[in-house]
Every structure is written in structure tokens, then in C-alpha cells.
Amino acid sequence: MILSWRLARARIARGERPGWLAAWGPVVFDLATVLIVAVVVFRVYVALGPELSVAGHAGVLLVLLFLPSQAALIASALWATKSRWVEEDETRSPE
């Protein structure tokens, strides 16, 4: 999320509209980073082996893995979209 956010902000400040790969490449990098972190957290979680019910495990994994990963990927996608956005001229008539 940090990489795509910084690149998008810099491109927007320069007035540069990146291509599809240049905008969405950092999002793919963020996805890979999130997956690596999720695997590490999951392995540590399994190694500790808390005695919880199935609902307890689901709740802990939801809070530790799912919610943070969704927040990071949604923010990355929003910045990628914002960096590619082209403002329409408001004075132009609709076609």
C-alpha cells in the first residue's frame, strides 16, 4: 500500500497519467507483500496453537489476516485508479 500510494501521489503531482501496467503493477506488488505477511502470520498463529473453537479461530484470522489485507488492497486499488483518472471537461456537452 505504501509503494502504490507514494508512486500515485508523485505521478498526480507531476500531472503524469501512467499506463495500465505502471499504475497496477504496484498493486500486484502490494498483493504479493500482503500474501507473504499473511503466510508468516498464519504460520506463527498455527505454531502457537491456541485452544479455541472454530468460531474463535475464524474471528482471530478475520482480524489478523482478512481485514488488514482488504484495507491495504482496496487503498492500493483506489490510488492506482486515482493516478489513471482523466478529468472530463465540464463545459463539454454530453455525446
C-alpha atoms as a PDB file:
ATOM      1  CA  MET A   1       0.000   0.000   0.000  1.00  0.00           C
ATOM      2  CA  ILE A   2       2.867   2.350   0.782  1.00  0.00           C
ATOM      3  CA  LEU A   3       4.521   1.793  -2.606  1.00  0.00           C
ATOM      4  CA  SER A   4       1.401   2.361  -4.706  1.00  0.00           C
ATOM      5  CA  TRP A   5       0.370   5.350  -2.573  1.00  0.00           C
ATOM      6  CA  ARG A   6       3.740   7.100  -2.935  1.00  0.00           C
ATOM      7  CA  LEU A   7       4.020   6.424  -6.661  1.00  0.00           C
ATOM      8  CA  ALA A   8       0.458   7.580  -7.329  1.00  0.00           C
ATOM      9  CA  ARG A   9       0.873  10.780  -5.314  1.00  0.00           C
ATOM     10  CA  ALA A  10       4.108  11.608  -7.139  1.00  0.00           C
ATOM     11  CA  ARG A  11       2.509  10.953 -10.536  1.00  0.00           C
ATOM     12  CA  ILE A  12      -0.542  13.032  -9.710  1.00  0.00           C
ATOM     13  CA  ALA A  13       1.675  15.911  -8.529  1.00  0.00           C
ATOM     14  CA  ARG A  14       3.619  15.775 -11.800  1.00  0.00           C
ATOM     15  CA  GLY A  15       0.421  15.610 -13.842  1.00  0.00           C
ATOM     16  CA  GLU A  16       1.526  12.321 -15.350  1.00  0.00           C
ATOM     17  CA  ARG A  17      -1.006   9.659 -16.343  1.00  0.00           C
ATOM     18  CA  PRO A  18       0.693   6.258 -16.115  1.00  0.00           C
ATOM     19  CA  GLY A  19      -0.090   3.304 -18.322  1.00  0.00           C
ATOM     20  CA  TRP A  20      -2.094   0.342 -17.076  1.00  0.00           C
ATOM     21  CA  LEU A  21       0.921  -1.713 -16.004  1.00  0.00           C
ATOM     22  CA  ALA A  22       2.660   1.235 -14.354  1.00  0.00           C
ATOM     23  CA  ALA A  23      -0.462   2.000 -12.315  1.00  0.00           C
ATOM     24  CA  TRP A  24      -1.487  -1.550 -11.402  1.00  0.00           C
ATOM     25  CA  GLY A  25       1.990  -3.084 -11.071  1.00  0.00           C
ATOM     26  CA  PRO A  26       2.476  -1.651  -7.571  1.00  0.00           C
ATOM     27  CA  VAL A  27      -0.932  -3.068  -6.603  1.00  0.00           C
ATOM     28  CA  VAL A  28       0.260  -6.534  -7.642  1.00  0.00           C
ATOM     29  CA  PHE A  29       3.418  -5.954  -5.603  1.00  0.00           C
ATOM     30  CA  ASP A  30       1.259  -4.950  -2.617  1.00  0.00           C
ATOM     31  CA  LEU A  31      -0.810  -8.115  -3.095  1.00  0.00           C
ATOM     32  CA  ALA A  32       2.338 -10.262  -3.065  1.00  0.00           C
ATOM     33  CA  THR A  33       3.556  -8.473   0.064  1.00  0.00           C
ATOM     34  CA  VAL A  34       0.214  -8.999   1.797  1.00  0.00           C
ATOM     35  CA  LEU A  35       0.260 -12.690   0.895  1.00  0.00           C
ATOM     36  CA  ILE A  36       3.781 -13.131   2.263  1.00  0.00           C
ATOM     37  CA  VAL A  37       2.848 -11.386   5.511  1.00  0.00           C
ATOM     38  CA  ALA A  38      -0.346 -13.471   5.740  1.00  0.00           C
ATOM     39  CA  VAL A  39       1.604 -16.720   5.355  1.00  0.00           C
ATOM     40  CA  VAL A  40       4.087 -15.679   8.051  1.00  0.00           C
ATOM     41  CA  VAL A  41       1.323 -14.588  10.450  1.00  0.00           C
ATOM     42  CA  PHE A  42      -0.656 -17.748   9.791  1.00  0.00           C
ATOM     43  CA  ARG A  43       2.362 -19.988  10.431  1.00  0.00           C
ATOM     44  CA  VAL A  44       3.095 -18.200  13.707  1.00  0.00           C
ATOM     45  CA  TYR A  45      -0.577 -18.461  14.659  1.00  0.00           C
ATOM     46  CA  VAL A  46      -0.675 -22.200  13.927  1.00  0.00           C
ATOM     47  CA  ALA A  47       2.616 -22.769  15.765  1.00  0.00           C
ATOM     48  CA  LEU A  48       1.268 -21.133  18.902  1.00  0.00           C
ATOM     49  CA  GLY A  49      -1.810 -23.357  18.619  1.00  0.00           C
ATOM     50  CA  PRO A  50      -4.352 -21.677  20.847  1.00  0.00           C
ATOM     51  CA  GLU A  51      -7.199 -23.867  22.011  1.00  0.00           C
ATOM     52  CA  LEU A  52     -10.157 -22.022  20.519  1.00  0.00           C
ATOM     53  CA  SER A  53     -13.399 -23.102  18.973  1.00  0.00           C
ATOM     54  CA  VAL A  54     -13.855 -22.945  15.216  1.00  0.00           C
ATOM     55  CA  ALA A  55     -15.614 -19.607  15.587  1.00  0.00           C
ATOM     56  CA  GLY A  56     -12.734 -18.342  17.719  1.00  0.00           C
ATOM     57  CA  HIS A  57     -10.197 -19.319  15.066  1.00  0.00           C
ATOM     58  CA  ALA A  58     -12.321 -17.694  12.377  1.00  0.00           C
ATOM     59  CA  GLY A  59     -12.575 -14.475  14.391  1.00  0.00           C
ATOM     60  CA  VAL A  60      -8.858 -14.289  15.094  1.00  0.00           C
ATOM     61  CA  LEU A  61      -7.952 -14.973  11.465  1.00  0.00           C
ATOM     62  CA  LEU A  62     -10.520 -12.422  10.310  1.00  0.00           C
ATOM     63  CA  VAL A  63      -8.927  -9.738  12.473  1.00  0.00           C
ATOM     64  CA  LEU A  64      -5.304 -10.763  11.830  1.00  0.00           C
ATOM     65  CA  LEU A  65      -5.429 -11.558   8.120  1.00  0.00           C
ATOM     66  CA  PHE A  66      -8.583 -10.689   6.229  1.00  0.00           C
ATOM     67  CA  LEU A  67      -9.389  -7.159   7.403  1.00  0.00           C
ATOM     68  CA  PRO A  68      -5.849  -5.727   7.145  1.00  0.00           C
ATOM     69  CA  SER A  69      -5.293  -7.322   3.733  1.00  0.00           C
ATOM     70  CA  GLN A  70      -8.566  -5.953   2.404  1.00  0.00           C
ATOM     71  CA  ALA A  71      -7.790  -2.471   3.697  1.00  0.00           C
ATOM     72  CA  ALA A  72      -4.338  -2.496   2.086  1.00  0.00           C
ATOM     73  CA  LEU A  73      -5.524  -3.830  -1.279  1.00  0.00           C
ATOM     74  CA  ILE A  74      -8.543  -1.531  -1.506  1.00  0.00           C
ATOM     75  CA  ALA A  75      -6.396   1.507  -0.705  1.00  0.00           C
ATOM     76  CA  SER A  76      -3.822   0.419  -3.305  1.00  0.00           C
ATOM     77  CA  ALA A  77      -6.513  -0.035  -5.939  1.00  0.00           C
ATOM     78  CA  LEU A  78      -8.019   3.364  -5.157  1.00  0.00           C
ATOM     79  CA  TRP A  79      -4.670   5.092  -5.571  1.00  0.00           C
ATOM     80  CA  ALA A  80      -3.981   3.223  -8.822  1.00  0.00           C
ATOM     81  CA  THR A  81      -7.359   4.309 -10.154  1.00  0.00           C
ATOM     82  CA  LYS A  82      -6.850   7.873  -8.983  1.00  0.00           C
ATOM     83  CA  SER A  83      -3.473   8.064 -10.742  1.00  0.00           C
ATOM     84  CA  ARG A  84      -5.065   6.994 -14.051  1.00  0.00           C
ATOM     85  CA  TRP A  85      -8.142   9.211 -13.719  1.00  0.00           C
ATOM     86  CA  VAL A  86      -8.771  11.722 -16.507  1.00  0.00           C
ATOM     87  CA  GLU A  87     -10.980  14.686 -15.646  1.00  0.00           C
ATOM     88  CA  GLU A  88     -13.703  15.286 -18.162  1.00  0.00           C
ATOM     89  CA  ASP A  89     -14.182  18.852 -19.318  1.00  0.00           C
ATOM     90  CA  GLU A  90     -17.285  20.142 -17.541  1.00  0.00           C
ATOM     91  CA  THR A  91     -18.108  22.593 -20.318  1.00  0.00           C
ATOM     92  CA  ARG A  92     -18.286  19.903 -22.996  1.00  0.00           C
ATOM     93  CA  SER A  93     -21.748  18.740 -23.912  1.00  0.00           C
ATOM     94  CA  PRO A  94     -22.596  15.066 -23.396  1.00  0.00           C
ATOM     95  CA  GLU A  95     -22.450  12.976 -26.534  1.00  0.00           C
END
